Amino acid sequence: QVQLVESGGGLVQAGGSLKLSCAASRRTFSTMDWFRQAPGKEREFVASISWSDTSSYYADSVKGRFTISRDNAKNTVYLQMNSLKPEDTAVYYCAAAKIRGSGYDYWGQGTQVTVSS
């Protein structure tokens, strides 16, 4: 069983930055994605990165502000969030898939990000 542990959430003012981390107990998957869910809203995709190449993808709402990266040696994926807006407030989850597009095999417990105006 793989465990994903997120960290780095917190309270920040609009325009500020946060860096989230998602550490995997071991790596048996091909992609790692970030999702978020705001109160009363559906969970939405934020960003994705492949472990085997440099491909990454972003939701339009975060493109140009968020950057996803990885450290293979640490089995850790990061989400650098800049120019944060109040609408970025949500619980952020990381999710891992053994095969991209086949659904997610593992989820983290989530970390709260709150952006004040």
C-alpha atoms as a PDB file:
ATOM      1  CA  GLN A   1       0.000   0.000   0.000  1.00  0.00           C
ATOM      2  CA  VAL A   2       1.297   3.428  -0.948  1.00  0.00           C
ATOM      3  CA  GLN A   3       0.767   6.363   1.370  1.00  0.00           C
ATOM      4  CA  LEU A   4       0.661   9.945   0.133  1.00  0.00           C
ATOM      5  CA  VAL A   5       1.225  12.689   2.682  1.00  0.00           C
ATOM      6  CA  GLU A   6       0.582  16.321   1.803  1.00  0.00           C
ATOM      7  CA  SER A   7       2.025  19.266   3.672  1.00  0.00           C
ATOM      8  CA  GLY A   8       2.614  22.975   3.241  1.00  0.00           C
ATOM      9  CA  GLY A   9      -0.895  24.332   3.421  1.00  0.00           C
ATOM     10  CA  GLY A  10      -1.803  27.356   5.481  1.00  0.00           C
ATOM     11  CA  LEU A  11      -3.209  30.859   5.552  1.00  0.00           C
ATOM     12  CA  VAL A  12      -1.811  33.461   3.182  1.00  0.00           C
ATOM     13  CA  GLN A  13      -2.880  36.875   1.937  1.00  0.00           C
ATOM     14  CA  ALA A  14      -3.959  37.392  -1.644  1.00  0.00           C
ATOM     15  CA  GLY A  15      -0.940  37.797  -3.862  1.00  0.00           C
ATOM     16  CA  GLY A  16       1.172  35.599  -1.639  1.00  0.00           C
ATOM     17  CA  SER A  17       2.760  32.209  -2.228  1.00  0.00           C
ATOM     18  CA  LEU A  18       2.698  28.727  -0.771  1.00  0.00           C
ATOM     19  CA  LYS A  19       4.489  25.527  -1.688  1.00  0.00           C
ATOM     20  CA  LEU A  20       2.724  22.236  -1.165  1.00  0.00           C
ATOM     21  CA  SER A  21       4.485  18.901  -0.938  1.00  0.00           C
ATOM     22  CA  CYS A  22       3.220  15.382  -1.479  1.00  0.00           C
ATOM     23  CA  ALA A  23       5.531  12.636  -0.273  1.00  0.00           C
ATOM     24  CA  ALA A  24       4.928   9.053  -1.378  1.00  0.00           C
ATOM     25  CA  SER A  25       5.984   6.107   0.746  1.00  0.00           C
ATOM     26  CA  ARG A  26       7.125   4.386  -2.429  1.00  0.00           C
ATOM     27  CA  ARG A  27       6.703   4.947  -6.116  1.00  0.00           C
ATOM     28  CA  THR A  28       4.670   2.450  -8.095  1.00  0.00           C
ATOM     29  CA  PHE A  29       2.782   4.935 -10.224  1.00  0.00           C
ATOM     30  CA  SER A  30       3.399   6.880 -13.398  1.00  0.00           C
ATOM     31  CA  THR A  31       1.748  10.229 -12.678  1.00  0.00           C
ATOM     32  CA  MET A  32       0.998  12.431  -9.731  1.00  0.00           C
ATOM     33  CA  ASP A  33      -1.747  15.011  -9.828  1.00  0.00           C
ATOM     34  CA  TRP A  34      -3.023  17.775  -7.595  1.00  0.00           C
ATOM     35  CA  PHE A  35      -6.726  18.378  -7.086  1.00  0.00           C
ATOM     36  CA  ARG A  36      -8.604  20.820  -4.908  1.00  0.00           C
ATOM     37  CA  GLN A  37     -12.051  21.065  -3.432  1.00  0.00           C
ATOM     38  CA  ALA A  38     -13.585  24.256  -2.129  1.00  0.00           C
ATOM     39  CA  PRO A  39     -16.551  24.217   0.260  1.00  0.00           C
ATOM     40  CA  GLY A  40     -19.743  23.413  -1.573  1.00  0.00           C
ATOM     41  CA  LYS A  41     -17.956  22.773  -4.853  1.00  0.00           C
ATOM     42  CA  GLU A  42     -16.894  19.761  -6.866  1.00  0.00           C
ATOM     43  CA  ARG A  43     -13.335  18.539  -6.655  1.00  0.00           C
ATOM     44  CA  GLU A  44     -11.343  19.944  -9.560  1.00  0.00           C
ATOM     45  CA  PHE A  45      -8.106  19.109 -11.295  1.00  0.00           C
ATOM     46  CA  VAL A  46      -5.220  21.499 -10.701  1.00  0.00           C
ATOM     47  CA  ALA A  47      -2.020  20.067 -12.157  1.00  0.00           C
ATOM     48  CA  SER A  48      -0.343  16.853 -13.239  1.00  0.00           C
ATOM     49  CA  ILE A  49       3.206  15.631 -13.711  1.00  0.00           C
ATOM     50  CA  SER A  50       4.723  12.484 -15.138  1.00  0.00           C
ATOM     51  CA  TRP A  51       7.457  10.619 -13.304  1.00  0.00           C
ATOM     52  CA  SER A  52       9.102   9.347 -16.467  1.00  0.00           C
ATOM     53  CA  ASP A  53       9.369  12.473 -18.571  1.00  0.00           C
ATOM     54  CA  THR A  54       8.997  16.222 -18.303  1.00  0.00           C
ATOM     55  CA  SER A  55       5.348  16.438 -19.261  1.00  0.00           C
ATOM     56  CA  SER A  56       3.067  18.467 -17.032  1.00  0.00           C
ATOM     57  CA  TYR A  57      -0.431  19.862 -17.332  1.00  0.00           C
ATOM     58  CA  TYR A  58      -2.370  22.619 -15.645  1.00  0.00           C
ATOM     59  CA  ALA A  59      -5.930  23.764 -15.243  1.00  0.00           C
ATOM     60  CA  ASP A  60      -6.544  27.047 -17.034  1.00  0.00           C
ATOM     61  CA  SER A  61      -7.414  28.685 -13.727  1.00  0.00           C
ATOM     62  CA  VAL A  62      -3.880  28.183 -12.369  1.00  0.00           C
ATOM     63  CA  LYS A  63      -1.764  28.279 -15.515  1.00  0.00           C
ATOM     64  CA  GLY A  64       1.035  30.806 -15.191  1.00  0.00           C
ATOM     65  CA  ARG A  65       0.659  31.001 -11.408  1.00  0.00           C
ATOM     66  CA  PHE A  66       1.215  27.427 -10.219  1.00  0.00           C
ATOM     67  CA  THR A  67       4.144  25.165 -11.008  1.00  0.00           C
ATOM     68  CA  ILE A  68       4.257  21.425 -10.433  1.00  0.00           C
ATOM     69  CA  SER A  69       7.614  19.719  -9.997  1.00  0.00           C
ATOM     70  CA  ARG A  70       9.055  16.512  -8.594  1.00  0.00           C
ATOM     71  CA  ASP A  71      12.055  15.128  -6.778  1.00  0.00           C
ATOM     72  CA  ASN A  72      12.480  11.530  -7.854  1.00  0.00           C
ATOM     73  CA  ALA A  73      15.005  10.749  -5.158  1.00  0.00           C
ATOM     74  CA  LYS A  74      12.531  11.817  -2.467  1.00  0.00           C
ATOM     75  CA  ASN A  75       9.413  10.419  -4.173  1.00  0.00           C
ATOM     76  CA  THR A  76       7.943  13.867  -3.653  1.00  0.00           C
ATOM     77  CA  VAL A  77       5.890  16.156  -5.850  1.00  0.00           C
ATOM     78  CA  TYR A  78       5.588  19.870  -5.202  1.00  0.00           C
ATOM     79  CA  LEU A  79       3.057  22.515  -6.119  1.00  0.00           C
ATOM     80  CA  GLN A  80       4.449  26.031  -6.038  1.00  0.00           C
ATOM     81  CA  MET A  81       1.544  28.445  -5.877  1.00  0.00           C
ATOM     82  CA  ASN A  82       2.190  32.110  -6.600  1.00  0.00           C
ATOM     83  CA  SER A  83      -0.093  35.120  -6.954  1.00  0.00           C
ATOM     84  CA  LEU A  84      -2.693  33.372  -4.867  1.00  0.00           C
ATOM     85  CA  LYS A  85      -6.283  34.524  -5.035  1.00  0.00           C
ATOM     86  CA  PRO A  86      -9.153  34.067  -2.582  1.00  0.00           C
ATOM     87  CA  GLU A  87     -10.758  31.691  -5.082  1.00  0.00           C
ATOM     88  CA  ASP A  88      -7.773  29.371  -4.665  1.00  0.00           C
ATOM     89  CA  THR A  89      -9.005  28.619  -1.154  1.00  0.00           C
ATOM     90  CA  ALA A  90      -9.647  24.886  -0.924  1.00  0.00           C
ATOM     91  CA  VAL A  91      -8.424  21.602   0.439  1.00  0.00           C
ATOM     92  CA  TYR A  92      -5.667  20.407  -1.863  1.00  0.00           C
ATOM     93  CA  TYR A  93      -5.163  16.719  -2.493  1.00  0.00           C
ATOM     94  CA  CYS A  94      -2.491  14.791  -4.309  1.00  0.00           C
ATOM     95  CA  ALA A  95      -3.404  11.653  -6.205  1.00  0.00           C
ATOM     96  CA  ALA A  96      -1.295   9.019  -7.903  1.00  0.00           C
ATOM     97  CA  ALA A  97      -2.127   6.885 -10.906  1.00  0.00           C
ATOM     98  CA  LYS A  98      -0.325   3.765 -12.058  1.00  0.00           C
ATOM     99  CA  ILE A  99      -1.451   4.484 -15.593  1.00  0.00           C
ATOM    100  CA  ARG A 100      -2.399   7.954 -16.752  1.00  0.00           C
ATOM    101  CA  GLY A 101      -6.054   8.101 -17.654  1.00  0.00           C
ATOM    102  CA  SER A 102      -7.000   4.910 -15.840  1.00  0.00           C
ATOM    103  CA  GLY A 103      -8.140   6.534 -12.614  1.00  0.00           C
ATOM    104  CA  TYR A 104      -6.306   7.193  -9.387  1.00  0.00           C
ATOM    105  CA  ASP A 105      -4.956   4.447  -7.211  1.00  0.00           C
ATOM    106  CA  TYR A 106      -3.907   6.495  -4.204  1.00  0.00           C
ATOM    107  CA  TRP A 107      -5.014   9.727  -2.567  1.00  0.00           C
ATOM    108  CA  GLY A 108      -3.545  11.879   0.143  1.00  0.00           C
ATOM    109  CA  GLN A 109      -5.463  13.176   3.133  1.00  0.00           C
ATOM    110  CA  GLY A 110      -5.495  16.772   1.923  1.00  0.00           C
ATOM    111  CA  THR A 111      -4.041  20.039   3.137  1.00  0.00           C
ATOM    112  CA  GLN A 112      -6.006  23.253   3.657  1.00  0.00           C
ATOM    113  CA  VAL A 113      -5.058  26.381   1.750  1.00  0.00           C
ATOM    114  CA  THR A 114      -6.811  29.591   2.735  1.00  0.00           C
ATOM    115  CA  VAL A 115      -6.231  32.829   0.869  1.00  0.00           C
ATOM    116  CA  SER A 116      -7.518  35.964   2.538  1.00  0.00           C
ATOM    117  CA  SER A 117      -8.494  39.067   0.603  1.00  0.00           C
END
